[in-house]
Amino acid sequence: MAYNYENFDAYVADGTEAREFAAFPDHLHAGAAAPDASLTRLEDGGTARLSERWQQRMVVLEFGSYT
């Protein structure tokens, strides 16, 4: 399945993307500090706090589409 670049480029070029993104003022932006949260560990299903994990090693949070 091909990505819809033609429509996406028009969506960005006409400013729709910026207007829609601006409608969420409390939205996290790239580089912003993440709020603390309870996370589910994939290896055993247990829980861990985000604040505990980032103290031990780097943490990358990915939300939405990563293309």
PDB file of N, CA and C in Angstrom:
ATOM      1  N   MET A   1       0.840  -1.174   0.000  1.00  0.00           N
ATOM      2  CA  MET A   1       0.000   0.000   0.000  1.00  0.00           C
ATOM      3  C   MET A   1       0.890   1.243   0.000  1.00  0.00           C
ATOM      4  N   ALA A   2       0.654   2.134  -0.908  1.00  0.00           N
ATOM      5  CA  ALA A   2       1.453   3.352  -1.028  1.00  0.00           C
ATOM      6  C   ALA A   2       0.929   4.435  -0.092  1.00  0.00           C
ATOM      7  N   TYR A   3       1.842   5.223   0.432  1.00  0.00           N
ATOM      8  CA  TYR A   3       1.461   6.335   1.292  1.00  0.00           C
ATOM      9  C   TYR A   3       0.891   7.452   0.432  1.00  0.00           C
ATOM     10  N   ASN A   4      -0.045   8.195   0.950  1.00  0.00           N
ATOM     11  CA  ASN A   4      -0.751   9.232   0.206  1.00  0.00           C
ATOM     12  C   ASN A   4       0.006  10.559   0.253  1.00  0.00           C
ATOM     13  N   TYR A   5       1.213  10.596  -0.297  1.00  0.00           N
ATOM     14  CA  TYR A   5       2.055  11.785  -0.224  1.00  0.00           C
ATOM     15  C   TYR A   5       1.436  12.998  -0.906  1.00  0.00           C
ATOM     16  N   GLU A   6       0.797  12.801  -2.041  1.00  0.00           N
ATOM     17  CA  GLU A   6       0.238  13.927  -2.786  1.00  0.00           C
ATOM     18  C   GLU A   6      -0.767  14.700  -1.931  1.00  0.00           C
ATOM     19  N   ASN A   7      -1.683  14.009  -1.293  1.00  0.00           N
ATOM     20  CA  ASN A   7      -2.670  14.688  -0.447  1.00  0.00           C
ATOM     21  C   ASN A   7      -2.036  15.218   0.824  1.00  0.00           C
ATOM     22  N   PHE A   8      -1.078  14.496   1.397  1.00  0.00           N
ATOM     23  CA  PHE A   8      -0.424  14.960   2.621  1.00  0.00           C
ATOM     24  C   PHE A   8       0.338  16.249   2.361  1.00  0.00           C
ATOM     25  N   ASP A   9       1.057  16.320   1.254  1.00  0.00           N
ATOM     26  CA  ASP A   9       1.809  17.534   0.925  1.00  0.00           C
ATOM     27  C   ASP A   9       0.879  18.737   0.784  1.00  0.00           C
ATOM     28  N   ALA A  10      -0.286  18.553   0.153  1.00  0.00           N
ATOM     29  CA  ALA A  10      -1.255  19.642   0.002  1.00  0.00           C
ATOM     30  C   ALA A  10      -1.808  20.048   1.364  1.00  0.00           C
ATOM     31  N   TYR A  11      -2.043  19.080   2.230  1.00  0.00           N
ATOM     32  CA  TYR A  11      -2.552  19.319   3.584  1.00  0.00           C
ATOM     33  C   TYR A  11      -1.577  20.185   4.380  1.00  0.00           C
ATOM     34  N   VAL A  12      -0.295  19.925   4.222  1.00  0.00           N
ATOM     35  CA  VAL A  12       0.725  20.713   4.916  1.00  0.00           C
ATOM     36  C   VAL A  12       0.865  22.080   4.259  1.00  0.00           C
ATOM     37  N   ALA A  13       0.908  22.122   2.943  1.00  0.00           N
ATOM     38  CA  ALA A  13       1.139  23.370   2.212  1.00  0.00           C
ATOM     39  C   ALA A  13       0.037  24.405   2.432  1.00  0.00           C
ATOM     40  N   ASP A  14      -1.218  23.967   2.544  1.00  0.00           N
ATOM     41  CA  ASP A  14      -2.299  24.950   2.685  1.00  0.00           C
ATOM     42  C   ASP A  14      -2.527  25.407   4.124  1.00  0.00           C
ATOM     43  N   GLY A  15      -1.729  24.896   5.068  1.00  0.00           N
ATOM     44  CA  GLY A  15      -1.811  25.346   6.452  1.00  0.00           C
ATOM     45  C   GLY A  15      -2.791  24.581   7.323  1.00  0.00           C
ATOM     46  N   THR A  16      -3.498  23.615   6.749  1.00  0.00           N
ATOM     47  CA  THR A  16      -4.472  22.846   7.534  1.00  0.00           C
ATOM     48  C   THR A  16      -3.797  22.132   8.685  1.00  0.00           C
ATOM     49  N   GLU A  17      -2.640  21.541   8.439  1.00  0.00           N
ATOM     50  CA  GLU A  17      -1.930  20.811   9.483  1.00  0.00           C
ATOM     51  C   GLU A  17      -1.620  21.728  10.667  1.00  0.00           C
ATOM     52  N   ALA A  18      -1.095  22.908  10.404  1.00  0.00           N
ATOM     53  CA  ALA A  18      -0.725  23.842  11.470  1.00  0.00           C
ATOM     54  C   ALA A  18      -1.949  24.290  12.260  1.00  0.00           C
ATOM     55  N   ARG A  19      -3.063  24.552  11.574  1.00  0.00           N
ATOM     56  CA  ARG A  19      -4.286  24.980  12.274  1.00  0.00           C
ATOM     57  C   ARG A  19      -4.825  23.861  13.157  1.00  0.00           C
ATOM     58  N   GLU A  20      -4.842  22.646  12.649  1.00  0.00           N
ATOM     59  CA  GLU A  20      -5.347  21.526  13.435  1.00  0.00           C
ATOM     60  C   GLU A  20      -4.438  21.242  14.627  1.00  0.00           C
ATOM     61  N   PHE A  21      -3.133  21.300  14.439  1.00  0.00           N
ATOM     62  CA  PHE A  21      -2.194  21.051  15.522  1.00  0.00           C
ATOM     63  C   PHE A  21      -2.310  22.123  16.599  1.00  0.00           C
ATOM     64  N   ALA A  22      -2.516  23.375  16.200  1.00  0.00           N
ATOM     65  CA  ALA A  22      -2.628  24.488  17.138  1.00  0.00           C
ATOM     66  C   ALA A  22      -3.897  24.395  17.990  1.00  0.00           C
ATOM     67  N   ALA A  23      -4.862  23.603  17.554  1.00  0.00           N
ATOM     68  CA  ALA A  23      -6.111  23.455  18.309  1.00  0.00           C
ATOM     69  C   ALA A  23      -5.901  22.667  19.602  1.00  0.00           C
ATOM     70  N   PHE A  24      -4.736  22.088  19.792  1.00  0.00           N
ATOM     71  CA  PHE A  24      -4.414  21.321  20.990  1.00  0.00           C
ATOM     72  C   PHE A  24      -3.277  21.995  21.748  1.00  0.00           C
ATOM     73  N   PRO A  25      -3.564  23.093  22.479  1.00  0.00           N
ATOM     74  CA  PRO A  25      -2.485  23.848  23.120  1.00  0.00           C
ATOM     75  C   PRO A  25      -1.732  23.072  24.193  1.00  0.00           C
ATOM     76  N   ASP A  26      -2.359  22.074  24.790  1.00  0.00           N
ATOM     77  CA  ASP A  26      -1.693  21.293  25.826  1.00  0.00           C
ATOM     78  C   ASP A  26      -0.994  20.061  25.266  1.00  0.00           C
ATOM     79  N   HIS A  27      -0.975  19.954  23.968  1.00  0.00           N
ATOM     80  CA  HIS A  27      -0.374  18.819  23.283  1.00  0.00           C
ATOM     81  C   HIS A  27       1.141  18.832  23.484  1.00  0.00           C
ATOM     82  N   LEU A  28       1.727  17.670  23.706  1.00  0.00           N
ATOM     83  CA  LEU A  28       3.186  17.595  23.815  1.00  0.00           C
ATOM     84  C   LEU A  28       3.821  17.817  22.452  1.00  0.00           C
ATOM     85  N   HIS A  29       4.897  18.535  22.442  1.00  0.00           N
ATOM     86  CA  HIS A  29       5.635  18.790  21.208  1.00  0.00           C
ATOM     87  C   HIS A  29       6.986  18.092  21.285  1.00  0.00           C
ATOM     88  N   ALA A  30       7.601  17.875  20.148  1.00  0.00           N
ATOM     89  CA  ALA A  30       8.915  17.234  20.102  1.00  0.00           C
ATOM     90  C   ALA A  30       9.879  17.979  21.012  1.00  0.00           C
ATOM     91  N   GLY A  31      10.567  17.237  21.864  1.00  0.00           N
ATOM     92  CA  GLY A  31      11.534  17.820  22.772  1.00  0.00           C
ATOM     93  C   GLY A  31      10.956  18.238  24.113  1.00  0.00           C
ATOM     94  N   ALA A  32       9.619  18.227  24.250  1.00  0.00           N
ATOM     95  CA  ALA A  32       8.991  18.619  25.515  1.00  0.00           C
ATOM     96  C   ALA A  32       9.138  17.491  26.538  1.00  0.00           C
ATOM     97  N   ALA A  33       9.181  17.862  27.800  1.00  0.00           N
ATOM     98  CA  ALA A  33       9.259  16.857  28.863  1.00  0.00           C
ATOM     99  C   ALA A  33       7.935  16.105  28.954  1.00  0.00           C
ATOM    100  N   ALA A  34       8.023  14.801  29.039  1.00  0.00           N
ATOM    101  CA  ALA A  34       6.820  13.972  29.153  1.00  0.00           C
ATOM    102  C   ALA A  34       6.336  13.968  30.599  1.00  0.00           C
ATOM    103  N   PRO A  35       5.022  13.927  30.801  1.00  0.00           N
ATOM    104  CA  PRO A  35       4.517  13.798  32.163  1.00  0.00           C
ATOM    105  C   PRO A  35       4.825  12.398  32.689  1.00  0.00           C
ATOM    106  N   ASP A  36       4.928  12.266  33.998  1.00  0.00           N
ATOM    107  CA  ASP A  36       5.176  10.946  34.580  1.00  0.00           C
ATOM    108  C   ASP A  36       3.942  10.069  34.334  1.00  0.00           C
ATOM    109  N   ALA A  37       4.164   8.805  34.121  1.00  0.00           N
ATOM    110  CA  ALA A  37       3.066   7.884  33.836  1.00  0.00           C
ATOM    111  C   ALA A  37       3.451   6.481  34.272  1.00  0.00           C
ATOM    112  N   SER A  38       2.455   5.651  34.451  1.00  0.00           N
ATOM    113  CA  SER A  38       2.667   4.240  34.740  1.00  0.00           C
ATOM    114  C   SER A  38       2.719   3.496  33.419  1.00  0.00           C
ATOM    115  N   LEU A  39       3.758   2.695  33.231  1.00  0.00           N
ATOM    116  CA  LEU A  39       3.967   1.980  31.975  1.00  0.00           C
ATOM    117  C   LEU A  39       3.863   0.480  32.197  1.00  0.00           C
ATOM    118  N   THR A  40       3.433  -0.238  31.176  1.00  0.00           N
ATOM    119  CA  THR A  40       3.392  -1.700  31.225  1.00  0.00           C
ATOM    120  C   THR A  40       4.648  -2.240  30.559  1.00  0.00           C
ATOM    121  N   ARG A  41       5.399  -3.070  31.270  1.00  0.00           N
ATOM    122  CA  ARG A  41       6.600  -3.680  30.716  1.00  0.00           C
ATOM    123  C   ARG A  41       6.200  -4.798  29.754  1.00  0.00           C
ATOM    124  N   LEU A  42       6.758  -4.791  28.561  1.00  0.00           N
ATOM    125  CA  LEU A  42       6.433  -5.811  27.565  1.00  0.00           C
ATOM    126  C   LEU A  42       6.982  -7.176  27.948  1.00  0.00           C
ATOM    127  N   GLU A  43       8.131  -7.202  28.619  1.00  0.00           N
ATOM    128  CA  GLU A  43       8.769  -8.486  28.916  1.00  0.00           C
ATOM    129  C   GLU A  43       8.009  -9.333  29.930  1.00  0.00           C
ATOM    130  N   ASP A  44       7.318  -8.683  30.909  1.00  0.00           N
ATOM    131  CA  ASP A  44       6.639  -9.490  31.931  1.00  0.00           C
ATOM    132  C   ASP A  44       5.249  -8.988  32.310  1.00  0.00           C
ATOM    133  N   GLY A  45       4.783  -7.916  31.685  1.00  0.00           N
ATOM    134  CA  GLY A  45       3.457  -7.397  31.974  1.00  0.00           C
ATOM    135  C   GLY A  45       3.368  -6.587  33.255  1.00  0.00           C
ATOM    136  N   GLY A  46       4.479  -6.448  33.972  1.00  0.00           N
ATOM    137  CA  GLY A  46       4.494  -5.651  35.198  1.00  0.00           C
ATOM    138  C   GLY A  46       4.431  -4.166  34.880  1.00  0.00           C
ATOM    139  N   THR A  47       4.445  -3.350  35.903  1.00  0.00           N
ATOM    140  CA  THR A  47       4.396  -1.906  35.694  1.00  0.00           C
ATOM    141  C   THR A  47       5.670  -1.235  36.180  1.00  0.00           C
ATOM    142  N   ALA A  48       5.939  -0.081  35.616  1.00  0.00           N
ATOM    143  CA  ALA A  48       7.073   0.750  36.011  1.00  0.00           C
ATOM    144  C   ALA A  48       6.668   2.199  35.795  1.00  0.00           C
ATOM    145  N   ARG A  49       7.253   3.097  36.551  1.00  0.00           N
ATOM    146  CA  ARG A  49       6.997   4.526  36.369  1.00  0.00           C
ATOM    147  C   ARG A  49       7.975   5.070  35.332  1.00  0.00           C
ATOM    148  N   LEU A  50       7.482   5.951  34.489  1.00  0.00           N
ATOM    149  CA  LEU A  50       8.339   6.588  33.494  1.00  0.00           C
ATOM    150  C   LEU A  50       9.508   7.293  34.176  1.00  0.00           C
ATOM    151  N   SER A  51       9.240   7.963  35.287  1.00  0.00           N
ATOM    152  CA  SER A  51      10.290   8.687  35.999  1.00  0.00           C
ATOM    153  C   SER A  51      11.390   7.752  36.500  1.00  0.00           C
ATOM    154  N   GLU A  52      11.044   6.504  36.813  1.00  0.00           N
ATOM    155  CA  GLU A  52      12.050   5.528  37.242  1.00  0.00           C
ATOM    156  C   GLU A  52      12.890   5.062  36.057  1.00  0.00           C
ATOM    157  N   ARG A  53      12.237   4.846  34.917  1.00  0.00           N
ATOM    158  CA  ARG A  53      12.944   4.327  33.746  1.00  0.00           C
ATOM    159  C   ARG A  53      13.954   5.328  33.201  1.00  0.00           C
ATOM    160  N   TRP A  54      13.568   6.618  33.111  1.00  0.00           N
ATOM    161  CA  TRP A  54      14.501   7.569  32.502  1.00  0.00           C
ATOM    162  C   TRP A  54      15.695   7.837  33.402  1.00  0.00           C
ATOM    163  N   GLN A  55      15.595   7.551  34.688  1.00  0.00           N
ATOM    164  CA  GLN A  55      16.747   7.712  35.564  1.00  0.00           C
ATOM    165  C   GLN A  55      17.768   6.597  35.344  1.00  0.00           C
ATOM    166  N   GLN A  56      17.321   5.457  34.827  1.00  0.00           N
ATOM    167  CA  GLN A  56      18.192   4.317  34.598  1.00  0.00           C
ATOM    168  C   GLN A  56      18.827   4.324  33.210  1.00  0.00           C
ATOM    169  N   ARG A  57      18.103   4.871  32.224  1.00  0.00           N
ATOM    170  CA  ARG A  57      18.584   4.873  30.836  1.00  0.00           C
ATOM    171  C   ARG A  57      17.753   5.839  30.010  1.00  0.00           C
ATOM    172  N   MET A  58      18.169   6.072  28.787  1.00  0.00           N
ATOM    173  CA  MET A  58      17.399   6.940  27.887  1.00  0.00           C
ATOM    174  C   MET A  58      16.064   6.277  27.573  1.00  0.00           C
ATOM    175  N   VAL A  59      15.029   7.089  27.433  1.00  0.00           N
ATOM    176  CA  VAL A  59      13.697   6.591  27.113  1.00  0.00           C
ATOM    177  C   VAL A  59      13.194   7.338  25.883  1.00  0.00           C
ATOM    178  N   VAL A  60      12.663   6.610  24.921  1.00  0.00           N
ATOM    179  CA  VAL A  60      12.064   7.199  23.739  1.00  0.00           C
ATOM    180  C   VAL A  60      10.592   6.834  23.738  1.00  0.00           C
ATOM    181  N   LEU A  61       9.732   7.840  23.680  1.00  0.00           N
ATOM    182  CA  LEU A  61       8.297   7.611  23.597  1.00  0.00           C
ATOM    183  C   LEU A  61       7.849   7.950  22.180  1.00  0.00           C
ATOM    184  N   GLU A  62       7.162   7.028  21.555  1.00  0.00           N
ATOM    185  CA  GLU A  62       6.684   7.240  20.192  1.00  0.00           C
ATOM    186  C   GLU A  62       5.174   7.157  20.212  1.00  0.00           C
ATOM    187  N   PHE A  63       4.522   8.236  19.785  1.00  0.00           N
ATOM    188  CA  PHE A  63       3.072   8.305  19.731  1.00  0.00           C
ATOM    189  C   PHE A  63       2.648   8.449  18.285  1.00  0.00           C
ATOM    190  N   GLY A  64       1.655   7.716  17.891  1.00  0.00           N
ATOM    191  CA  GLY A  64       1.123   7.882  16.545  1.00  0.00           C
ATOM    192  C   GLY A  64       1.971   7.200  15.509  1.00  0.00           C
ATOM    193  N   SER A  65       1.984   7.769  14.336  1.00  0.00           N
ATOM    194  CA  SER A  65       2.639   7.180  13.183  1.00  0.00           C
ATOM    195  C   SER A  65       4.123   7.541  13.172  1.00  0.00           C
ATOM    196  N   TYR A  66       4.958   6.591  12.891  1.00  0.00           N
ATOM    197  CA  TYR A  66       6.395   6.806  12.744  1.00  0.00           C
ATOM    198  C   TYR A  66       6.751   6.367  11.343  1.00  0.00           C
ATOM    199  N   THR A  67       6.837   7.332  10.421  1.00  0.00           N
ATOM    200  CA  THR A  67       7.113   6.991   9.015  1.00  0.00           C
ATOM    201  C   THR A  67       8.319   7.718   8.500  1.00  0.00           C
TER     202      THR A  67
END
